[in-house]
Amino acid sequence: MSAIRFTLAAVLAASLSAAFPPISAAQDSDQIEIAPQSVKPVQTRRIVRTAPGQSYWVDADKLSARNNPVAGDVVRVLELGQKV
């Protein structure tokens, strides 16, 4: 029985060593050559539309005006019927 186990262990070890090669030593940073690459700056275009001004009125008892749409601080509280 032990000869069969030894053979199976040897076959398994050989197959694992072929599947996972040993890790090589790390290189020093002096030995690594880095080729210069040209980096192009990202250009963004901004489209600005001007629309004619429209008036709106607050239709809630109290409306909180915030400085950021996502969890912003309340900058001002608008009352019912106030023109915006």
PDB file of N, CA and C in Angstrom:
ATOM      1  N   MET A   1       0.803  -1.184   0.000  1.00  0.00           N
ATOM      2  CA  MET A   1       0.000   0.000   0.000  1.00  0.00           C
ATOM      3  C   MET A   1       0.860   1.267   0.000  1.00  0.00           C
ATOM      4  N   SER A   2       1.947   1.260   0.756  1.00  0.00           N
ATOM      5  CA  SER A   2       2.767   2.448   0.861  1.00  0.00           C
ATOM      6  C   SER A   2       3.477   2.759  -0.455  1.00  0.00           C
ATOM      7  N   ALA A   3       3.765   1.750  -1.263  1.00  0.00           N
ATOM      8  CA  ALA A   3       4.407   1.971  -2.566  1.00  0.00           C
ATOM      9  C   ALA A   3       3.437   2.687  -3.505  1.00  0.00           C
ATOM     10  N   ILE A   4       2.168   2.343  -3.425  1.00  0.00           N
ATOM     11  CA  ILE A   4       1.162   3.004  -4.266  1.00  0.00           C
ATOM     12  C   ILE A   4       1.000   4.465  -3.837  1.00  0.00           C
ATOM     13  N   ARG A   5       0.966   4.700  -2.524  1.00  0.00           N
ATOM     14  CA  ARG A   5       0.860   6.079  -2.024  1.00  0.00           C
ATOM     15  C   ARG A   5       2.071   6.898  -2.439  1.00  0.00           C
ATOM     16  N   PHE A   6       3.254   6.311  -2.349  1.00  0.00           N
ATOM     17  CA  PHE A   6       4.470   7.016  -2.737  1.00  0.00           C
ATOM     18  C   PHE A   6       4.438   7.359  -4.225  1.00  0.00           C
ATOM     19  N   THR A   7       3.981   6.434  -5.055  1.00  0.00           N
ATOM     20  CA  THR A   7       3.900   6.669  -6.492  1.00  0.00           C
ATOM     21  C   THR A   7       2.893   7.768  -6.795  1.00  0.00           C
ATOM     22  N   LEU A   8       1.740   7.715  -6.152  1.00  0.00           N
ATOM     23  CA  LEU A   8       0.727   8.752  -6.359  1.00  0.00           C
ATOM     24  C   LEU A   8       1.236  10.113  -5.901  1.00  0.00           C
ATOM     25  N   ALA A   9       1.942  10.169  -4.786  1.00  0.00           N
ATOM     26  CA  ALA A   9       2.479  11.433  -4.299  1.00  0.00           C
ATOM     27  C   ALA A   9       3.533  11.977  -5.256  1.00  0.00           C
ATOM     28  N   ALA A  10       4.356  11.104  -5.807  1.00  0.00           N
ATOM     29  CA  ALA A  10       5.391  11.533  -6.746  1.00  0.00           C
ATOM     30  C   ALA A  10       4.771  12.068  -8.030  1.00  0.00           C
ATOM     31  N   VAL A  11       3.738  11.399  -8.545  1.00  0.00           N
ATOM     32  CA  VAL A  11       3.064  11.847  -9.762  1.00  0.00           C
ATOM     33  C   VAL A  11       2.367  13.182  -9.510  1.00  0.00           C
ATOM     34  N   LEU A  12       1.731  13.318  -8.375  1.00  0.00           N
ATOM     35  CA  LEU A  12       1.047  14.560  -8.033  1.00  0.00           C
ATOM     36  C   LEU A  12       2.048  15.712  -7.892  1.00  0.00           C
ATOM     37  N   ALA A  13       3.168  15.457  -7.236  1.00  0.00           N
ATOM     38  CA  ALA A  13       4.177  16.505  -7.071  1.00  0.00           C
ATOM     39  C   ALA A  13       4.760  16.917  -8.414  1.00  0.00           C
ATOM     40  N   ALA A  14       4.978  15.973  -9.307  1.00  0.00           N
ATOM     41  CA  ALA A  14       5.527  16.294 -10.619  1.00  0.00           C
ATOM     42  C   ALA A  14       4.534  17.111 -11.439  1.00  0.00           C
ATOM     43  N   SER A  15       3.257  16.767 -11.360  1.00  0.00           N
ATOM     44  CA  SER A  15       2.263  17.504 -12.137  1.00  0.00           C
ATOM     45  C   SER A  15       2.062  18.912 -11.577  1.00  0.00           C
ATOM     46  N   LEU A  16       2.117  19.069 -10.265  1.00  0.00           N
ATOM     47  CA  LEU A  16       1.976  20.392  -9.669  1.00  0.00           C
ATOM     48  C   LEU A  16       3.174  21.277  -9.974  1.00  0.00           C
ATOM     49  N   SER A  17       4.374  20.706  -9.972  1.00  0.00           N
ATOM     50  CA  SER A  17       5.549  21.520 -10.265  1.00  0.00           C
ATOM     51  C   SER A  17       5.565  21.950 -11.728  1.00  0.00           C
ATOM     52  N   ALA A  18       4.965  21.161 -12.606  1.00  0.00           N
ATOM     53  CA  ALA A  18       4.877  21.554 -14.014  1.00  0.00           C
ATOM     54  C   ALA A  18       3.805  22.629 -14.200  1.00  0.00           C
ATOM     55  N   ALA A  19       2.729  22.550 -13.426  1.00  0.00           N
ATOM     56  CA  ALA A  19       1.643  23.518 -13.562  1.00  0.00           C
ATOM     57  C   ALA A  19       2.001  24.858 -12.929  1.00  0.00           C
ATOM     58  N   PHE A  20       2.736  24.843 -11.828  1.00  0.00           N
ATOM     59  CA  PHE A  20       3.114  26.062 -11.119  1.00  0.00           C
ATOM     60  C   PHE A  20       4.635  26.164 -11.078  1.00  0.00           C
ATOM     61  N   PRO A  21       5.233  26.895 -12.019  1.00  0.00           N
ATOM     62  CA  PRO A  21       6.691  27.017 -12.020  1.00  0.00           C
ATOM     63  C   PRO A  21       7.165  27.791 -10.791  1.00  0.00           C
ATOM     64  N   PRO A  22       8.404  27.575 -10.367  1.00  0.00           N
ATOM     65  CA  PRO A  22       8.900  28.270  -9.175  1.00  0.00           C
ATOM     66  C   PRO A  22       8.990  29.777  -9.417  1.00  0.00           C
ATOM     67  N   ILE A  23       8.840  30.533  -8.355  1.00  0.00           N
ATOM     68  CA  ILE A  23       8.879  31.989  -8.434  1.00  0.00           C
ATOM     69  C   ILE A  23      10.336  32.426  -8.559  1.00  0.00           C
ATOM     70  N   SER A  24      10.625  33.264  -9.543  1.00  0.00           N
ATOM     71  CA  SER A  24      11.993  33.734  -9.722  1.00  0.00           C
ATOM     72  C   SER A  24      12.274  34.898  -8.784  1.00  0.00           C
ATOM     73  N   ALA A  25      13.532  35.177  -8.588  1.00  0.00           N
ATOM     74  CA  ALA A  25      13.928  36.266  -7.696  1.00  0.00           C
ATOM     75  C   ALA A  25      13.553  37.607  -8.311  1.00  0.00           C
ATOM     76  N   ALA A  26      13.265  38.568  -7.480  1.00  0.00           N
ATOM     77  CA  ALA A  26      12.889  39.899  -7.958  1.00  0.00           C
ATOM     78  C   ALA A  26      14.116  40.623  -8.497  1.00  0.00           C
ATOM     79  N   GLN A  27      13.922  41.483  -9.487  1.00  0.00           N
ATOM     80  CA  GLN A  27      15.014  42.253 -10.061  1.00  0.00           C
ATOM     81  C   GLN A  27      15.226  43.529  -9.270  1.00  0.00           C
ATOM     82  N   ASP A  28      16.467  43.998  -9.285  1.00  0.00           N
ATOM     83  CA  ASP A  28      16.753  45.295  -8.691  1.00  0.00           C
ATOM     84  C   ASP A  28      16.183  46.382  -9.585  1.00  0.00           C
ATOM     85  N   SER A  29      15.867  47.519  -9.003  1.00  0.00           N
ATOM     86  CA  SER A  29      15.288  48.602  -9.795  1.00  0.00           C
ATOM     87  C   SER A  29      16.291  49.170 -10.793  1.00  0.00           C
ATOM     88  N   ASP A  30      17.631  48.989 -10.552  1.00  0.00           N
ATOM     89  CA  ASP A  30      18.624  49.483 -11.516  1.00  0.00           C
ATOM     90  C   ASP A  30      18.606  48.664 -12.799  1.00  0.00           C
ATOM     91  N   GLN A  31      18.223  47.407 -12.703  1.00  0.00           N
ATOM     92  CA  GLN A  31      18.275  46.523 -13.857  1.00  0.00           C
ATOM     93  C   GLN A  31      17.066  46.670 -14.772  1.00  0.00           C
ATOM     94  N   ILE A  32      16.034  47.305 -14.302  1.00  0.00           N
ATOM     95  CA  ILE A  32      14.813  47.437 -15.090  1.00  0.00           C
ATOM     96  C   ILE A  32      14.933  48.659 -15.984  1.00  0.00           C
ATOM     97  N   GLU A  33      14.769  48.454 -17.262  1.00  0.00           N
ATOM     98  CA  GLU A  33      14.809  49.565 -18.200  1.00  0.00           C
ATOM     99  C   GLU A  33      13.385  49.939 -18.573  1.00  0.00           C
ATOM    100  N   ILE A  34      13.084  51.211 -18.459  1.00  0.00           N
ATOM    101  CA  ILE A  34      11.746  51.690 -18.779  1.00  0.00           C
ATOM    102  C   ILE A  34      11.835  52.522 -20.044  1.00  0.00           C
ATOM    103  N   ALA A  35      11.076  52.109 -21.057  1.00  0.00           N
ATOM    104  CA  ALA A  35      11.067  52.845 -22.314  1.00  0.00           C
ATOM    105  C   ALA A  35      10.215  54.096 -22.146  1.00  0.00           C
ATOM    106  N   PRO A  36      10.687  55.236 -22.637  1.00  0.00           N
ATOM    107  CA  PRO A  36       9.881  56.456 -22.515  1.00  0.00           C
ATOM    108  C   PRO A  36       8.611  56.341 -23.352  1.00  0.00           C
ATOM    109  N   GLN A  37       7.533  56.760 -22.779  1.00  0.00           N
ATOM    110  CA  GLN A  37       6.249  56.714 -23.473  1.00  0.00           C
ATOM    111  C   GLN A  37       5.702  58.120 -23.570  1.00  0.00           C
ATOM    112  N   SER A  38       5.102  58.390 -24.701  1.00  0.00           N
ATOM    113  CA  SER A  38       4.498  59.705 -24.849  1.00  0.00           C
ATOM    114  C   SER A  38       3.092  59.657 -24.266  1.00  0.00           C
ATOM    115  N   VAL A  39       2.808  60.583 -23.399  1.00  0.00           N
ATOM    116  CA  VAL A  39       1.506  60.648 -22.745  1.00  0.00           C
ATOM    117  C   VAL A  39       0.759  61.832 -23.318  1.00  0.00           C
ATOM    118  N   LYS A  40      -0.386  61.547 -23.894  1.00  0.00           N
ATOM    119  CA  LYS A  40      -1.199  62.613 -24.467  1.00  0.00           C
ATOM    120  C   LYS A  40      -2.175  63.116 -23.403  1.00  0.00           C
ATOM    121  N   PRO A  41      -2.277  64.424 -23.232  1.00  0.00           N
ATOM    122  CA  PRO A  41      -3.237  64.931 -22.253  1.00  0.00           C
ATOM    123  C   PRO A  41      -4.673  64.684 -22.726  1.00  0.00           C
ATOM    124  N   VAL A  42      -5.518  64.428 -21.786  1.00  0.00           N
ATOM    125  CA  VAL A  42      -6.919  64.177 -22.087  1.00  0.00           C
ATOM    126  C   VAL A  42      -7.599  65.517 -22.318  1.00  0.00           C
ATOM    127  N   GLN A  43      -8.227  65.645 -23.463  1.00  0.00           N
ATOM    128  CA  GLN A  43      -8.932  66.877 -23.770  1.00  0.00           C
ATOM    129  C   GLN A  43     -10.421  66.657 -23.576  1.00  0.00           C
ATOM    130  N   THR A  44     -11.015  67.542 -22.820  1.00  0.00           N
ATOM    131  CA  THR A  44     -12.454  67.453 -22.610  1.00  0.00           C
ATOM    132  C   THR A  44     -13.104  68.680 -23.215  1.00  0.00           C
ATOM    133  N   ARG A  45     -14.262  68.466 -23.760  1.00  0.00           N
ATOM    134  CA  ARG A  45     -15.021  69.576 -24.324  1.00  0.00           C
ATOM    135  C   ARG A  45     -16.203  69.843 -23.421  1.00  0.00           C
ATOM    136  N   ARG A  46     -16.489  71.096 -23.248  1.00  0.00           N
ATOM    137  CA  ARG A  46     -17.614  71.476 -22.413  1.00  0.00           C
ATOM    138  C   ARG A  46     -18.628  72.190 -23.290  1.00  0.00           C
ATOM    139  N   ILE A  47     -19.831  71.700 -23.281  1.00  0.00           N
ATOM    140  CA  ILE A  47     -20.903  72.304 -24.063  1.00  0.00           C
ATOM    141  C   ILE A  47     -21.732  73.170 -23.120  1.00  0.00           C
ATOM    142  N   VAL A  48     -21.842  74.415 -23.460  1.00  0.00           N
ATOM    143  CA  VAL A  48     -22.606  75.346 -22.633  1.00  0.00           C
ATOM    144  C   VAL A  48     -23.794  75.827 -23.446  1.00  0.00           C
ATOM    145  N   ARG A  49     -24.989  75.608 -22.896  1.00  0.00           N
ATOM    146  CA  ARG A  49     -26.209  76.089 -23.555  1.00  0.00           C
ATOM    147  C   ARG A  49     -26.785  77.215 -22.727  1.00  0.00           C
ATOM    148  N   THR A  50     -27.134  78.251 -23.398  1.00  0.00           N
ATOM    149  CA  THR A  50     -27.817  79.327 -22.698  1.00  0.00           C
ATOM    150  C   THR A  50     -29.294  79.245 -23.045  1.00  0.00           C
ATOM    151  N   ALA A  51     -30.097  79.227 -22.026  1.00  0.00           N
ATOM    152  CA  ALA A  51     -31.545  79.139 -22.218  1.00  0.00           C
ATOM    153  C   ALA A  51     -32.169  80.406 -21.658  1.00  0.00           C
ATOM    154  N   PRO A  52     -33.274  80.814 -22.230  1.00  0.00           N
ATOM    155  CA  PRO A  52     -33.936  82.004 -21.688  1.00  0.00           C
ATOM    156  C   PRO A  52     -34.389  81.726 -20.254  1.00  0.00           C
ATOM    157  N   GLY A  53     -34.293  82.752 -19.413  1.00  0.00           N
ATOM    158  CA  GLY A  53     -34.665  82.598 -18.009  1.00  0.00           C
ATOM    159  C   GLY A  53     -36.147  82.333 -17.833  1.00  0.00           C
ATOM    160  N   GLN A  54     -36.457  81.414 -16.970  1.00  0.00           N
ATOM    161  CA  GLN A  54     -37.851  81.119 -16.659  1.00  0.00           C
ATOM    162  C   GLN A  54     -38.037  81.274 -15.157  1.00  0.00           C
ATOM    163  N   SER A  55     -39.201  81.688 -14.767  1.00  0.00           N
ATOM    164  CA  SER A  55     -39.503  81.838 -13.352  1.00  0.00           C
ATOM    165  C   SER A  55     -40.269  80.623 -12.862  1.00  0.00           C
ATOM    166  N   TYR A  56     -39.923  80.192 -11.661  1.00  0.00           N
ATOM    167  CA  TYR A  56     -40.616  79.087 -11.012  1.00  0.00           C
ATOM    168  C   TYR A  56     -40.993  79.540  -9.607  1.00  0.00           C
ATOM    169  N   TRP A  57     -42.000  78.897  -9.032  1.00  0.00           N
ATOM    170  CA  TRP A  57     -42.434  79.222  -7.685  1.00  0.00           C
ATOM    171  C   TRP A  57     -42.399  77.963  -6.844  1.00  0.00           C
ATOM    172  N   VAL A  58     -42.072  78.124  -5.587  1.00  0.00           N
ATOM    173  CA  VAL A  58     -42.001  76.998  -4.659  1.00  0.00           C
ATOM    174  C   VAL A  58     -43.414  76.560  -4.333  1.00  0.00           C
ATOM    175  N   ASP A  59     -43.673  75.255  -4.474  1.00  0.00           N
ATOM    176  CA  ASP A  59     -45.016  74.736  -4.185  1.00  0.00           C
ATOM    177  C   ASP A  59     -45.022  73.812  -2.964  1.00  0.00           C
ATOM    178  N   ALA A  60     -44.028  73.931  -2.110  1.00  0.00           N
ATOM    179  CA  ALA A  60     -43.977  73.165  -0.864  1.00  0.00           C
ATOM    180  C   ALA A  60     -43.977  74.150   0.309  1.00  0.00           C
ATOM    181  N   ASP A  61     -44.335  73.663   1.479  1.00  0.00           N
ATOM    182  CA  ASP A  61     -44.336  74.541   2.654  1.00  0.00           C
ATOM    183  C   ASP A  61     -42.937  75.095   2.914  1.00  0.00           C
ATOM    184  N   LYS A  62     -41.949  74.223   2.921  1.00  0.00           N
ATOM    185  CA  LYS A  62     -40.557  74.636   3.088  1.00  0.00           C
ATOM    186  C   LYS A  62     -39.717  73.772   2.153  1.00  0.00           C
ATOM    187  N   LEU A  63     -38.779  74.414   1.446  1.00  0.00           N
ATOM    188  CA  LEU A  63     -37.924  73.718   0.493  1.00  0.00           C
ATOM    189  C   LEU A  63     -36.474  74.048   0.821  1.00  0.00           C
ATOM    190  N   SER A  64     -35.672  73.032   1.058  1.00  0.00           N
ATOM    191  CA  SER A  64     -34.259  73.231   1.402  1.00  0.00           C
ATOM    192  C   SER A  64     -33.432  73.337   0.127  1.00  0.00           C
ATOM    193  N   ALA A  65     -32.693  74.418   0.002  1.00  0.00           N
ATOM    194  CA  ALA A  65     -31.755  74.577  -1.110  1.00  0.00           C
ATOM    195  C   ALA A  65     -30.391  74.136  -0.609  1.00  0.00           C
ATOM    196  N   ARG A  66     -29.770  73.199  -1.317  1.00  0.00           N
ATOM    197  CA  ARG A  66     -28.498  72.620  -0.880  1.00  0.00           C
ATOM    198  C   ARG A  66     -27.377  72.998  -1.822  1.00  0.00           C
ATOM    199  N   ASN A  67     -26.130  72.924  -1.341  1.00  0.00           N
ATOM    200  CA  ASN A  67     -24.976  73.257  -2.170  1.00  0.00           C
ATOM    201  C   ASN A  67     -24.470  72.064  -2.974  1.00  0.00           C
ATOM    202  N   ASN A  68     -25.007  70.878  -2.743  1.00  0.00           N
ATOM    203  CA  ASN A  68     -24.623  69.678  -3.477  1.00  0.00           C
ATOM    204  C   ASN A  68     -25.848  68.772  -3.531  1.00  0.00           C
ATOM    205  N   PRO A  69     -26.177  68.220  -4.702  1.00  0.00           N
ATOM    206  CA  PRO A  69     -27.382  67.405  -4.787  1.00  0.00           C
ATOM    207  C   PRO A  69     -27.313  66.117  -3.969  1.00  0.00           C
ATOM    208  N   VAL A  70     -26.103  65.626  -3.682  1.00  0.00           N
ATOM    209  CA  VAL A  70     -25.971  64.398  -2.910  1.00  0.00           C
ATOM    210  C   VAL A  70     -25.426  64.751  -1.533  1.00  0.00           C
ATOM    211  N   ALA A  71     -26.265  64.721  -0.544  1.00  0.00           N
ATOM    212  CA  ALA A  71     -25.897  64.967   0.849  1.00  0.00           C
ATOM    213  C   ALA A  71     -25.204  66.311   1.043  1.00  0.00           C
ATOM    214  N   GLY A  72     -25.694  67.333   0.386  1.00  0.00           N
ATOM    215  CA  GLY A  72     -25.115  68.667   0.535  1.00  0.00           C
ATOM    216  C   GLY A  72     -25.648  69.371   1.763  1.00  0.00           C
ATOM    217  N   ASP A  73     -24.954  70.407   2.159  1.00  0.00           N
ATOM    218  CA  ASP A  73     -25.393  71.200   3.297  1.00  0.00           C
ATOM    219  C   ASP A  73     -26.517  72.135   2.864  1.00  0.00           C
ATOM    220  N   VAL A  74     -27.455  72.375   3.765  1.00  0.00           N
ATOM    221  CA  VAL A  74     -28.560  73.280   3.479  1.00  0.00           C
ATOM    222  C   VAL A  74     -28.016  74.704   3.486  1.00  0.00           C
ATOM    223  N   VAL A  75     -28.178  75.385   2.353  1.00  0.00           N
ATOM    224  CA  VAL A  75     -27.685  76.748   2.206  1.00  0.00           C
ATOM    225  C   VAL A  75     -28.786  77.746   2.528  1.00  0.00           C
ATOM    226  N   ARG A  76     -30.011  77.396   2.148  1.00  0.00           N
ATOM    227  CA  ARG A  76     -31.120  78.322   2.307  1.00  0.00           C
ATOM    228  C   ARG A  76     -32.421  77.529   2.366  1.00  0.00           C
ATOM    229  N   VAL A  77     -33.411  78.057   3.036  1.00  0.00           N
ATOM    230  CA  VAL A  77     -34.735  77.438   3.092  1.00  0.00           C
ATOM    231  C   VAL A  77     -35.704  78.374   2.384  1.00  0.00           C
ATOM    232  N   LEU A  78     -36.393  77.841   1.380  1.00  0.00           N
ATOM    233  CA  LEU A  78     -37.346  78.635   0.607  1.00  0.00           C
ATOM    234  C   LEU A  78     -38.749  78.355   1.120  1.00  0.00           C
ATOM    235  N   GLU A  79     -39.575  79.396   1.110  1.00  0.00           N
ATOM    236  CA  GLU A  79     -40.933  79.301   1.621  1.00  0.00           C
ATOM    237  C   GLU A  79     -41.944  79.084   0.487  1.00  0.00           C
ATOM    238  N   LEU A  80     -43.158  78.714   0.833  1.00  0.00           N
ATOM    239  CA  LEU A  80     -44.236  78.487  -0.121  1.00  0.00           C
ATOM    240  C   LEU A  80     -44.536  79.765  -0.910  1.00  0.00           C
ATOM    241  N   GLY A  81     -44.575  79.619  -2.241  1.00  0.00           N
ATOM    242  CA  GLY A  81     -44.913  80.730  -3.108  1.00  0.00           C
ATOM    243  C   GLY A  81     -43.741  81.639  -3.471  1.00  0.00           C
ATOM    244  N   GLN A  82     -42.563  81.361  -2.949  1.00  0.00           N
ATOM    245  CA  GLN A  82     -41.406  82.204  -3.251  1.00  0.00           C
ATOM    246  C   GLN A  82     -40.945  81.973  -4.692  1.00  0.00           C
ATOM    247  N   LYS A  83     -40.598  83.055  -5.385  1.00  0.00           N
ATOM    248  CA  LYS A  83     -40.167  82.984  -6.794  1.00  0.00           C
ATOM    249  C   LYS A  83     -38.700  82.552  -6.840  1.00  0.00           C
ATOM    250  N   VAL A  84     -38.420  81.635  -7.730  1.00  0.00           N
ATOM    251  CA  VAL A  84     -37.058  81.121  -7.888  1.00  0.00           C
ATOM    252  C   VAL A  84     -36.566  81.473  -9.270  1.00  0.00           C
TER     253      VAL A  84
END
